[in-house]
């Protein structure tokens, strides 16, 4: 009897060692496959590196930068309104017949007063003023010296358009930074979930091996062994699904980085213990949110439109000068050069100025109304994002106790099963409960990071995310095999 007990104990110990070896080999195989896949991604990629690549390569930001350049060129064009305009004009003309001054009546009067003078001795009194074909080439200059404020308004409006384009570029960068956080840490979450699923499969592989051994020894029923096999198959399915989720997350990250193989994200999920109070975030939003800066630029544009419409009620005064370069084409009445001062003033335009001025004032009032609404909306949005960050952190902290309990429960159930005091169902449920608790914990950390990025974007502080990432506590997959 004692010999049989010793042999049974040796068999159990050998079975456990073999089971552990099989589980270790399964884990190593999964890790090797994962390492091979990561090697094809181009090496580790920190969040700072990913952000730098996105800001330099994303088409939306490049287009926003091109718009800023466009607005700057338009401003330089408006500066030219302060300077004189010089034009060179060339024209060739052919008319139906020459233009002449006929003084034949005077000729006839002279001949009548002097009959002794032969008519052939007096030339015809016909002067050609303009031939049938002629050239005219002249250079002209005009210089506005008073426009009632039109030129000043145009230049200030051009400056406002530059500011609007710059703040639009900044707003796009902040929005894309938040989206990068979402996609970058989605890869980290999917990778950690893949690790958890791999650990679950390895644990169930070992459990299935031990279940088969215990069935052979008659300590458990066939139904319990079949239950272990079903659980192992389900774990394998979940692992493959996690692999596909990881591939999808990588593709999304590659898309926002505009790269085929951006690398493996190396910055971990993280939790920040304390944030600034809500009032501080709302105050920062009021000062730094790009939407408010854009509305300020729109307000400037509207006010300059009002100034330009008012200027239409004033005269335009200008200097002008002209010089003929092809004097052979001049007539007796055309000067070789001319210079002077001129003025124009519209007396009646069908009340267009009146209505355009009223429209410009309404546009200014509209922008001011929208700004008031935007400030209210942003304050509410910041509070919503702040509450989401706090909620995610509280959930993460609450799940820590659940994780410890699930880990201890798995240890107890596994030991009891090996001693024949628990069923396979209890072990499988305990292992799945541990995996569920760990995945919930990782999901809470991911939700915290995304909510934090959204909060920083809403408060106009998206560039603070990297600093908080460095200050935060890293979070990773920590599912371990239960201690025996």
Protein backbone atom coordinates (compact mmCIF):
# COMPACT_ATOMS: atom_id res chain seq x y z
CA UNK A 1 0.00 0.00 0.00
CA UNK A 2 2.78 2.41 0.92
CA UNK A 3 4.64 1.50 -2.27
CA UNK A 4 1.54 2.17 -4.37
CA UNK A 5 1.06 5.55 -2.65
CA UNK A 6 4.68 6.47 -3.33
CA UNK A 7 4.32 5.47 -6.99
CA UNK A 8 1.12 7.46 -7.27
CA UNK A 9 2.83 10.50 -5.69
CA UNK A 10 5.77 10.18 -8.10
CA UNK A 11 3.35 9.94 -11.02
CA UNK A 12 1.52 13.04 -9.84
CA UNK A 13 4.79 14.94 -9.36
CA UNK A 14 6.04 13.84 -12.77
CA UNK A 15 2.73 14.80 -14.32
CA UNK A 16 2.92 18.24 -12.77
CA UNK A 17 6.48 18.76 -14.01
CA UNK A 18 5.50 17.60 -17.49
CA UNK A 19 2.43 19.82 -17.41
CA UNK A 20 4.50 22.81 -16.37
CA UNK A 21 7.01 22.06 -19.13
CA UNK A 22 4.22 21.85 -21.72
CA UNK A 23 2.73 25.11 -20.48
CA UNK A 24 6.13 26.79 -20.56
CA UNK A 25 6.73 25.58 -24.09
CA UNK A 26 3.32 26.89 -25.16
CA UNK A 27 4.04 30.30 -23.65
CA UNK A 28 7.47 30.37 -25.29
CA UNK A 29 5.91 29.53 -28.64
CA UNK A 30 3.40 32.36 -28.32
CA UNK A 31 6.10 34.79 -27.25
CA UNK A 32 8.34 33.69 -30.11
CA UNK A 33 5.54 34.29 -32.60
CA UNK A 34 4.83 37.67 -31.05
CA UNK A 35 8.53 38.61 -31.08
CA UNK A 36 8.81 37.60 -34.73
CA UNK A 37 5.81 39.77 -35.59
CA UNK A 38 7.25 42.71 -33.66
CA UNK A 39 10.60 42.35 -35.37
CA UNK A 40 8.85 43.09 -38.64
CA UNK A 41 7.39 46.32 -37.28
CA UNK A 42 10.66 48.28 -37.21
CA UNK A 43 11.64 48.16 -33.53
CA UNK A 44 10.26 49.93 -30.46
CA UNK A 45 8.38 53.17 -30.91
CA UNK A 46 7.88 55.58 -28.00
CA UNK A 47 4.88 57.87 -27.88
CA UNK A 48 7.13 60.91 -28.35
CA UNK A 49 8.58 59.40 -31.51
CA UNK A 50 5.11 58.54 -32.80
CA UNK A 51 3.88 62.08 -32.11
CA UNK A 52 6.87 63.59 -33.90
CA UNK A 53 6.35 61.37 -36.94
CA UNK A 54 2.64 62.14 -37.12
CA UNK A 55 3.13 65.91 -36.83
CA UNK A 56 5.65 65.87 -39.66
CA UNK A 57 3.92 63.45 -42.02
CA UNK A 58 0.15 63.65 -41.61
CA UNK A 59 -1.53 65.11 -44.68
CA UNK A 60 -4.08 67.11 -42.69
CA UNK A 61 -1.34 69.01 -40.86
CA UNK A 62 0.66 69.50 -44.03
CA UNK A 63 -2.42 70.95 -45.72
CA UNK A 64 -3.00 73.23 -42.71
CA UNK A 65 0.60 74.43 -42.97
CA UNK A 66 0.13 75.12 -46.67
CA UNK A 67 -2.95 77.19 -45.87
CA UNK A 68 -0.89 79.25 -43.42
CA UNK A 69 1.64 79.85 -46.19
CA UNK A 70 -1.17 80.82 -48.55
CA UNK A 71 -2.53 83.37 -46.06
CA UNK A 72 0.92 84.86 -45.59
CA UNK A 73 1.34 85.34 -49.31
CA UNK A 74 -2.08 86.99 -49.43
CA UNK A 75 -0.97 89.37 -46.69
CA UNK A 76 2.11 90.33 -48.71
CA UNK A 77 -0.20 90.98 -51.66
CA UNK A 78 -2.34 93.31 -49.53
CA UNK A 79 0.75 95.26 -48.47
CA UNK A 80 1.20 96.14 -52.12
CA UNK A 81 -1.95 98.27 -51.91
CA UNK A 82 0.11 100.88 -50.05
CA UNK A 83 2.53 101.20 -52.99
CA UNK A 84 2.05 102.77 -56.43
CA UNK A 85 0.95 100.59 -59.30
CA UNK A 86 3.02 100.89 -62.47
CA UNK A 87 1.68 99.53 -65.76
CA UNK A 88 3.20 99.28 -69.21
CA UNK A 89 0.65 99.42 -72.04
CA UNK A 90 1.25 98.72 -75.71
CA UNK A 91 -1.36 99.00 -78.43
CA UNK A 92 -1.41 98.82 -82.24
CA UNK A 93 -4.45 100.43 -83.97
CA UNK A 94 -5.68 100.65 -87.55
CA UNK A 95 -8.59 102.96 -88.45
CA UNK A 96 -10.78 103.29 -91.56
CA UNK A 97 -9.06 106.46 -92.87
CA UNK A 98 -6.54 109.01 -91.70
CA UNK A 99 -7.69 111.81 -89.42
CA UNK A 100 -7.03 115.19 -91.10
CA UNK A 101 -7.60 118.91 -90.43
CA UNK A 102 -8.82 120.50 -93.65
CA UNK A 103 -8.16 124.31 -93.87
CA UNK A 104 -9.00 124.66 -97.58
CA UNK A 105 -11.44 127.57 -96.97
CA UNK A 106 -8.55 129.58 -95.56
CA UNK A 107 -6.45 128.70 -98.62
CA UNK A 108 -9.20 129.86 -100.94
CA UNK A 109 -9.53 133.16 -99.02
CA UNK A 110 -5.81 133.79 -99.37
CA UNK A 111 -5.90 133.11 -103.10
CA UNK A 112 -8.84 135.47 -103.48
CA UNK A 113 -6.91 138.26 -101.75
CA UNK A 114 -3.88 137.65 -103.94
CA UNK A 115 -5.10 136.84 -107.45
CA UNK A 116 -1.67 137.40 -108.88
CA UNK A 117 -0.40 134.35 -106.96
CA UNK A 118 -0.86 131.13 -108.93
CA UNK A 119 -2.91 128.50 -107.05
CA UNK A 120 -0.22 125.94 -107.71
CA UNK A 121 2.20 127.99 -105.62
CA UNK A 122 0.04 127.71 -102.49
CA UNK A 123 0.20 124.22 -100.91
CA UNK A 124 -2.96 122.47 -99.74
CA UNK A 125 -4.07 123.49 -96.27
CA UNK A 126 -4.63 119.87 -95.05
CA UNK A 127 -2.88 118.60 -91.89
CA UNK A 128 -2.85 114.88 -91.11
CA UNK A 129 -3.45 114.39 -87.40
CA UNK A 130 -3.45 110.58 -87.25
CA UNK A 131 -2.49 108.03 -89.87
CA UNK A 132 -4.42 104.89 -90.72
CA UNK A 133 -2.07 102.71 -88.60
CA UNK A 134 -0.25 103.74 -85.46
CA UNK A 135 1.43 102.42 -82.31
CA UNK A 136 1.04 103.63 -78.77
CA UNK A 137 3.35 102.50 -75.94
CA UNK A 138 3.14 104.23 -72.59
CA UNK A 139 4.01 103.66 -68.96
CA UNK A 140 1.51 104.69 -66.30
CA UNK A 141 1.68 104.96 -62.51
CA UNK A 142 -1.13 105.43 -59.99
CA UNK A 143 -0.67 105.82 -56.25
CA UNK A 144 -3.63 105.93 -53.83
CA UNK A 145 -2.96 108.45 -51.11
CA UNK A 146 -6.36 108.28 -49.41
CA UNK A 147 -8.92 105.48 -49.59
CA UNK A 148 -10.99 106.17 -46.50
CA UNK A 149 -9.48 103.14 -44.70
CA UNK A 150 -10.03 100.47 -47.35
CA UNK A 151 -6.33 99.57 -47.66
CA UNK A 152 -5.79 99.48 -43.90
CA UNK A 153 -8.86 97.26 -43.43
CA UNK A 154 -7.67 94.89 -46.17
CA UNK A 155 -4.25 94.50 -44.53
CA UNK A 156 -5.69 93.95 -41.06
CA UNK A 157 -8.10 91.38 -42.46
CA UNK A 158 -5.16 89.58 -44.11
CA UNK A 159 -3.38 89.46 -40.73
CA UNK A 160 -6.53 88.03 -39.13
CA UNK A 161 -6.71 85.31 -41.80
CA UNK A 162 -3.13 84.31 -40.98
CA UNK A 163 -4.01 84.06 -37.29
CA UNK A 164 -7.11 82.03 -38.10
CA UNK A 165 -5.12 79.61 -40.27
CA UNK A 166 -2.43 79.23 -37.60
CA UNK A 167 -4.96 78.47 -34.86
CA UNK A 168 -6.76 76.09 -37.20
CA UNK A 169 -3.46 74.29 -37.73
CA UNK A 170 -2.94 74.12 -33.96
CA UNK A 171 -6.48 72.85 -33.44
CA UNK A 172 -5.94 70.12 -36.05
CA UNK A 173 -2.65 69.13 -34.39
CA UNK A 174 -4.34 68.84 -30.98
CA UNK A 175 -7.21 66.81 -32.41
CA UNK A 176 -4.81 64.45 -34.17
CA UNK A 177 -2.71 64.16 -31.00
CA UNK A 178 -5.78 62.90 -29.13
CA UNK A 179 -6.52 60.46 -31.93
CA UNK A 180 -2.90 59.27 -31.82
CA UNK A 181 -3.28 58.58 -28.08
CA UNK A 182 -6.40 56.56 -28.87
CA UNK A 183 -4.67 54.48 -31.55
CA UNK A 184 -1.22 54.20 -29.96
CA UNK A 185 -2.51 52.94 -26.63
CA UNK A 186 -5.09 50.77 -28.38
CA UNK A 187 -2.11 48.82 -29.67
CA UNK A 188 -0.71 48.66 -26.13
CA UNK A 189 -4.08 47.45 -24.82
CA UNK A 190 -4.46 44.89 -27.60
CA UNK A 191 -0.89 43.67 -27.01
CA UNK A 192 -1.47 43.32 -23.26
CA UNK A 193 -4.78 41.55 -23.90
CA UNK A 194 -2.93 39.19 -26.22
CA UNK A 195 -0.46 38.43 -23.44
CA UNK A 196 -3.31 37.75 -21.02
CA UNK A 197 -5.04 35.44 -23.49
CA UNK A 198 -1.75 33.63 -24.10
CA UNK A 199 -1.28 33.15 -20.37
CA UNK A 200 -4.85 31.85 -20.05
CA UNK A 201 -4.25 29.34 -22.85
CA UNK A 202 -0.98 28.19 -21.30
CA UNK A 203 -2.69 27.75 -17.92
CA UNK A 204 -5.57 25.82 -19.45
CA UNK A 205 -3.09 23.65 -21.39
CA UNK A 206 -1.54 22.66 -18.08
CA UNK A 207 -4.93 22.22 -16.46
CA UNK A 208 -6.05 19.98 -19.31
CA UNK A 209 -2.92 17.86 -18.98
CA UNK A 210 -3.47 17.43 -15.26
CA UNK A 211 -7.15 16.67 -15.85
CA UNK A 212 -6.21 13.89 -18.23
CA UNK A 213 -3.76 12.46 -15.69
CA UNK A 214 -6.33 12.60 -12.92
CA UNK A 215 -8.89 10.96 -15.18
CA UNK A 216 -6.44 8.13 -15.91
CA UNK A 217 -5.98 7.68 -12.17
CA UNK A 218 -9.73 7.63 -11.68
CA UNK A 219 -9.79 10.74 -9.52
CA UNK A 220 -12.06 12.81 -11.79
CA UNK A 221 -14.79 11.96 -14.25
CA UNK A 222 -14.65 12.11 -18.02
CA UNK A 223 -17.10 15.03 -17.97
CA UNK A 224 -14.63 17.15 -16.01
CA UNK A 225 -11.85 16.36 -18.49
CA UNK A 226 -14.15 17.27 -21.38
CA UNK A 227 -14.99 20.51 -19.66
CA UNK A 228 -11.27 21.30 -19.47
CA UNK A 229 -10.91 20.56 -23.20
CA UNK A 230 -13.82 22.86 -24.09
CA UNK A 231 -12.35 25.63 -21.94
CA UNK A 232 -8.96 25.14 -23.60
CA UNK A 233 -10.52 25.38 -27.10
CA UNK A 234 -12.38 28.55 -26.13
CA UNK A 235 -9.14 30.06 -24.78
CA UNK A 236 -7.41 29.25 -28.07
CA UNK A 237 -10.23 30.97 -29.97
CA UNK A 238 -9.99 34.03 -27.76
CA UNK A 239 -6.21 34.16 -28.27
CA UNK A 240 -6.61 34.10 -32.05
CA UNK A 241 -9.26 36.81 -31.82
CA UNK A 242 -6.89 38.89 -29.69
CA UNK A 243 -4.25 38.45 -32.39
CA UNK A 244 -6.62 39.84 -35.02
CA UNK A 245 -7.56 42.73 -32.73
CA UNK A 246 -3.88 43.51 -32.32
CA UNK A 247 -3.34 43.48 -36.09
CA UNK A 248 -6.29 45.85 -36.60
CA UNK A 249 -4.96 48.22 -33.94
CA UNK A 250 -1.53 48.21 -35.58
CA UNK A 251 -3.06 49.01 -38.96
CA UNK A 252 -4.94 51.97 -37.46
CA UNK A 253 -1.73 53.26 -35.87
CA UNK A 254 0.17 52.88 -39.13
CA UNK A 255 -2.53 54.86 -40.91
CA UNK A 256 -2.32 57.89 -38.63
CA UNK A 257 1.48 57.81 -38.77
CA UNK A 258 1.42 57.53 -42.58
CA UNK A 259 3.81 54.58 -42.44
CA UNK A 260 3.66 50.97 -43.52
CA UNK A 261 5.51 49.54 -40.48
CA UNK A 262 5.62 52.17 -37.73
CA UNK A 263 7.23 49.96 -35.08
CA UNK A 264 6.06 48.45 -31.81
CA UNK A 265 4.70 50.96 -29.25
CA UNK A 266 6.94 50.92 -26.21
CA UNK A 267 5.37 53.57 -23.96
CA UNK A 268 3.11 51.74 -21.48
CA UNK A 269 -0.43 52.42 -20.42
CA UNK A 270 -0.29 54.64 -17.35
CA UNK A 271 -2.25 56.18 -14.50
CA UNK A 272 -1.73 59.64 -13.01
CA UNK A 273 -2.56 59.82 -9.31
CA UNK A 274 -3.53 63.49 -9.14
CA UNK A 275 -4.57 66.16 -11.61
CA UNK A 276 -5.07 69.89 -11.34
CA UNK A 277 -8.54 70.91 -10.10
CA UNK A 278 -11.37 71.33 -12.56
CA UNK A 279 -11.29 75.13 -12.26
CA UNK A 280 -7.69 75.18 -13.47
CA UNK A 281 -8.56 73.19 -16.59
CA UNK A 282 -11.53 75.43 -17.35
CA UNK A 283 -9.38 78.55 -16.91
CA UNK A 284 -6.75 77.12 -19.26
CA UNK A 285 -9.46 76.31 -21.80
CA UNK A 286 -10.72 79.89 -21.66
CA UNK A 287 -7.20 81.20 -22.34
CA UNK A 288 -5.67 78.62 -24.66
CA UNK A 289 -8.37 76.73 -26.56
CA UNK A 290 -7.74 77.18 -30.31
CA UNK A 291 -11.45 77.61 -30.98
CA UNK A 292 -11.49 80.86 -29.01
CA UNK A 293 -8.41 82.13 -30.83
CA UNK A 294 -10.09 81.33 -34.15
CA UNK A 295 -13.25 83.16 -33.07
CA UNK A 296 -11.11 86.15 -32.10
CA UNK A 297 -9.61 86.12 -35.59
CA UNK A 298 -13.11 85.86 -37.08
CA UNK A 299 -14.19 88.79 -34.93
CA UNK A 300 -11.28 90.85 -36.28
CA UNK A 301 -12.25 89.89 -39.83
CA UNK A 302 -15.83 90.98 -39.23
CA UNK A 303 -14.79 94.30 -37.68
CA UNK A 304 -12.48 95.03 -40.61
CA UNK A 305 -15.33 94.23 -42.99
CA UNK A 306 -17.37 96.90 -41.20
CA UNK A 307 -14.45 99.34 -41.54
CA UNK A 308 -14.12 98.57 -45.26
CA UNK A 309 -17.83 99.16 -45.84
CA UNK A 310 -17.66 102.48 -44.00
CA UNK A 311 -14.71 103.50 -46.18
CA UNK A 312 -16.92 103.20 -49.26
CA UNK A 313 -18.72 106.33 -48.07
CA UNK A 314 -15.49 108.33 -48.44
CA UNK A 315 -13.71 109.46 -51.62
CA UNK A 316 -10.62 107.81 -53.07
CA UNK A 317 -7.75 110.23 -53.83
CA UNK A 318 -4.79 109.18 -55.95
CA UNK A 319 -1.75 110.51 -57.80
CA UNK A 320 -1.14 109.54 -61.40
CA UNK A 321 1.56 109.93 -64.05
CA UNK A 322 1.90 108.85 -67.69
CA UNK A 323 4.79 108.82 -70.15
CA UNK A 324 4.56 107.98 -73.86
CA UNK A 325 7.46 105.76 -74.96
CA UNK A 326 6.65 105.76 -78.70
CA UNK A 327 6.28 109.44 -79.50
CA UNK A 328 6.01 108.83 -83.24
CA UNK A 329 2.45 107.67 -82.66
CA UNK A 330 1.42 110.88 -80.86
CA UNK A 331 -0.96 113.32 -82.47
CA UNK A 332 -0.91 117.08 -82.16
CA UNK A 333 -3.36 116.75 -79.29
CA UNK A 334 -1.57 114.00 -77.33
CA UNK A 335 0.99 114.99 -74.67
CA UNK A 336 4.29 113.13 -74.32
CA UNK A 337 3.77 113.00 -70.57
CA UNK A 338 1.18 113.93 -67.98
CA UNK A 339 0.88 113.91 -64.18
CA UNK A 340 -1.70 115.02 -61.65
CA UNK A 341 -4.03 114.12 -58.83
CA UNK A 342 -7.49 112.56 -59.10
CA UNK A 343 -10.41 111.64 -56.91
CA UNK A 344 -13.47 109.41 -57.22
CA UNK A 345 -16.59 109.29 -55.11
CA UNK A 346 -19.70 107.24 -55.66
CA UNK A 347 -22.80 109.39 -55.33
CA UNK A 348 -25.41 106.67 -55.72
CA UNK A 349 -25.12 102.88 -56.01
CA UNK A 350 -28.68 101.73 -55.47
CA UNK A 351 -28.30 101.68 -51.63
CA UNK A 352 -25.73 98.86 -51.90
CA UNK A 353 -23.35 100.54 -49.44
CA UNK A 354 -26.07 100.93 -46.86
CA UNK A 355 -27.10 97.29 -46.95
CA UNK A 356 -23.51 95.98 -47.18
CA UNK A 357 -22.59 97.97 -44.07
CA UNK A 358 -25.60 96.58 -42.20
CA UNK A 359 -24.66 93.05 -43.29
CA UNK A 360 -21.09 93.50 -42.03
CA UNK A 361 -22.37 94.68 -38.65
CA UNK A 362 -24.66 91.67 -38.37
CA UNK A 363 -21.72 89.39 -39.19
CA UNK A 364 -19.75 90.95 -36.32
CA UNK A 365 -22.69 90.46 -33.95
CA UNK A 366 -23.04 86.85 -35.13
CA UNK A 367 -19.38 86.08 -34.35
CA UNK A 368 -19.72 87.60 -30.87
CA UNK A 369 -22.81 85.49 -30.22
CA UNK A 370 -21.06 82.33 -31.37
CA UNK A 371 -18.09 83.09 -29.13
CA UNK A 372 -20.37 83.39 -26.08
CA UNK A 373 -21.99 80.04 -26.96
CA UNK A 374 -18.59 78.41 -27.56
CA UNK A 375 -17.29 79.48 -24.15
CA UNK A 376 -20.29 77.91 -22.48
CA UNK A 377 -19.95 74.70 -24.50
CA UNK A 378 -16.21 74.35 -23.90
CA UNK A 379 -16.62 74.84 -20.15
CA UNK A 380 -19.21 72.05 -20.11
CA UNK A 381 -17.01 69.83 -22.29
CA UNK A 382 -14.01 70.30 -20.01
CA UNK A 383 -16.09 69.31 -16.98
CA UNK A 384 -17.39 66.23 -18.81
CA UNK A 385 -13.88 65.16 -19.80
CA UNK A 386 -12.61 65.79 -16.28
CA UNK A 387 -15.33 63.60 -14.79
CA UNK A 388 -14.50 60.84 -17.28
CA UNK A 389 -10.83 60.92 -16.25
CA UNK A 390 -11.74 60.70 -12.56
CA UNK A 391 -14.21 57.89 -13.23
CA UNK A 392 -11.63 55.86 -15.15
CA UNK A 393 -9.06 56.28 -12.40
CA UNK A 394 -11.53 55.23 -9.70
CA UNK A 395 -12.48 52.17 -11.72
CA UNK A 396 -8.82 51.25 -12.14
CA UNK A 397 -8.16 51.54 -8.42
CA UNK A 398 -11.27 49.55 -7.54
CA UNK A 399 -10.23 46.74 -9.88
CA UNK A 400 -6.90 46.29 -8.05
CA UNK A 401 -8.65 44.55 -5.12
CA UNK A 402 -10.70 42.42 -7.51
CA UNK A 403 -7.52 41.35 -9.28
CA UNK A 404 -5.85 40.27 -6.05
CA UNK A 405 -8.95 38.32 -5.04
CA UNK A 406 -9.16 36.61 -8.45
CA UNK A 407 -5.50 35.63 -8.31
CA UNK A 408 -5.83 34.14 -4.85
CA UNK A 409 -9.03 32.32 -5.85
CA UNK A 410 -7.24 30.72 -8.80
CA UNK A 411 -4.40 29.59 -6.55
CA UNK A 412 -6.80 28.01 -4.07
CA UNK A 413 -8.96 26.33 -6.73
CA UNK A 414 -5.97 24.96 -8.59
CA UNK A 415 -4.48 23.46 -5.44
CA UNK A 416 -7.84 22.01 -4.43
CA UNK A 417 -8.31 20.44 -7.87
CA UNK A 418 -4.89 18.80 -7.68
CA UNK A 419 -5.89 17.34 -4.32
CA UNK A 420 -9.22 16.17 -5.68
CA UNK A 421 -11.22 18.67 -3.62
CA UNK A 422 -12.42 20.91 -6.46
CA UNK A 423 -13.87 20.39 -9.91
CA UNK A 424 -12.39 21.34 -13.26
CA UNK A 425 -15.25 23.78 -13.73
CA UNK A 426 -14.18 25.68 -10.61
CA UNK A 427 -10.58 25.95 -11.83
CA UNK A 428 -11.61 27.10 -15.29
CA UNK A 429 -14.01 29.66 -13.87
CA UNK A 430 -11.33 30.95 -11.51
CA UNK A 431 -8.80 31.30 -14.32
CA UNK A 432 -11.29 33.06 -16.58
CA UNK A 433 -12.31 35.35 -13.70
CA UNK A 434 -8.65 36.30 -13.23
CA UNK A 435 -8.27 37.03 -16.95
CA UNK A 436 -11.47 39.06 -16.93
CA UNK A 437 -10.30 41.11 -13.95
CA UNK A 438 -6.94 41.77 -15.59
CA UNK A 439 -8.53 42.76 -18.91
CA UNK A 440 -10.93 45.10 -17.11
CA UNK A 441 -7.99 46.67 -15.29
CA UNK A 442 -6.12 47.21 -18.56
CA UNK A 443 -9.26 48.60 -20.22
CA UNK A 444 -9.71 51.04 -17.33
CA UNK A 445 -6.11 52.24 -17.77
CA UNK A 446 -6.70 52.68 -21.51
CA UNK A 447 -9.90 54.60 -20.88
CA UNK A 448 -8.01 56.82 -18.43
CA UNK A 449 -5.31 57.62 -20.99
CA UNK A 450 -7.83 58.40 -23.74
CA UNK A 451 -9.99 60.49 -21.40
CA UNK A 452 -6.88 62.37 -20.25
CA UNK A 453 -5.94 63.16 -23.85
CA UNK A 454 -9.48 64.35 -24.55
CA UNK A 455 -9.41 66.52 -21.43
CA UNK A 456 -6.11 68.12 -22.43
CA UNK A 457 -7.42 68.75 -25.93
CA UNK A 458 -10.62 70.33 -24.58
CA UNK A 459 -8.57 72.63 -22.33
CA UNK A 460 -6.08 73.56 -25.05
CA UNK A 461 -3.19 71.72 -23.38
CA UNK A 462 -2.62 68.70 -25.62
CA UNK A 463 1.14 69.27 -25.47
CA UNK A 464 1.11 68.36 -21.73
CA UNK A 465 0.28 64.73 -22.42
CA UNK A 466 3.91 63.67 -22.85
CA UNK A 467 4.85 65.23 -19.50
CA UNK A 468 2.01 63.45 -17.71
CA UNK A 469 2.99 60.21 -19.44
CA UNK A 470 6.48 60.52 -17.97
CA UNK A 471 5.11 61.31 -14.51
CA UNK A 472 2.44 58.58 -14.49
CA UNK A 473 2.64 55.04 -13.13
CA UNK A 474 3.03 52.43 -15.89
CA UNK A 475 0.39 49.72 -16.21
CA UNK A 476 0.99 46.38 -17.89
CA UNK A 477 -0.32 42.84 -17.99
CA UNK A 478 0.61 41.14 -14.70
CA UNK A 479 -1.31 37.86 -14.80
CA UNK A 480 0.96 35.32 -13.16
CA UNK A 481 0.65 31.65 -12.49
CA UNK A 482 -0.66 31.03 -8.95
CA UNK A 483 1.86 30.25 -6.26
CA UNK A 484 1.78 26.68 -5.01
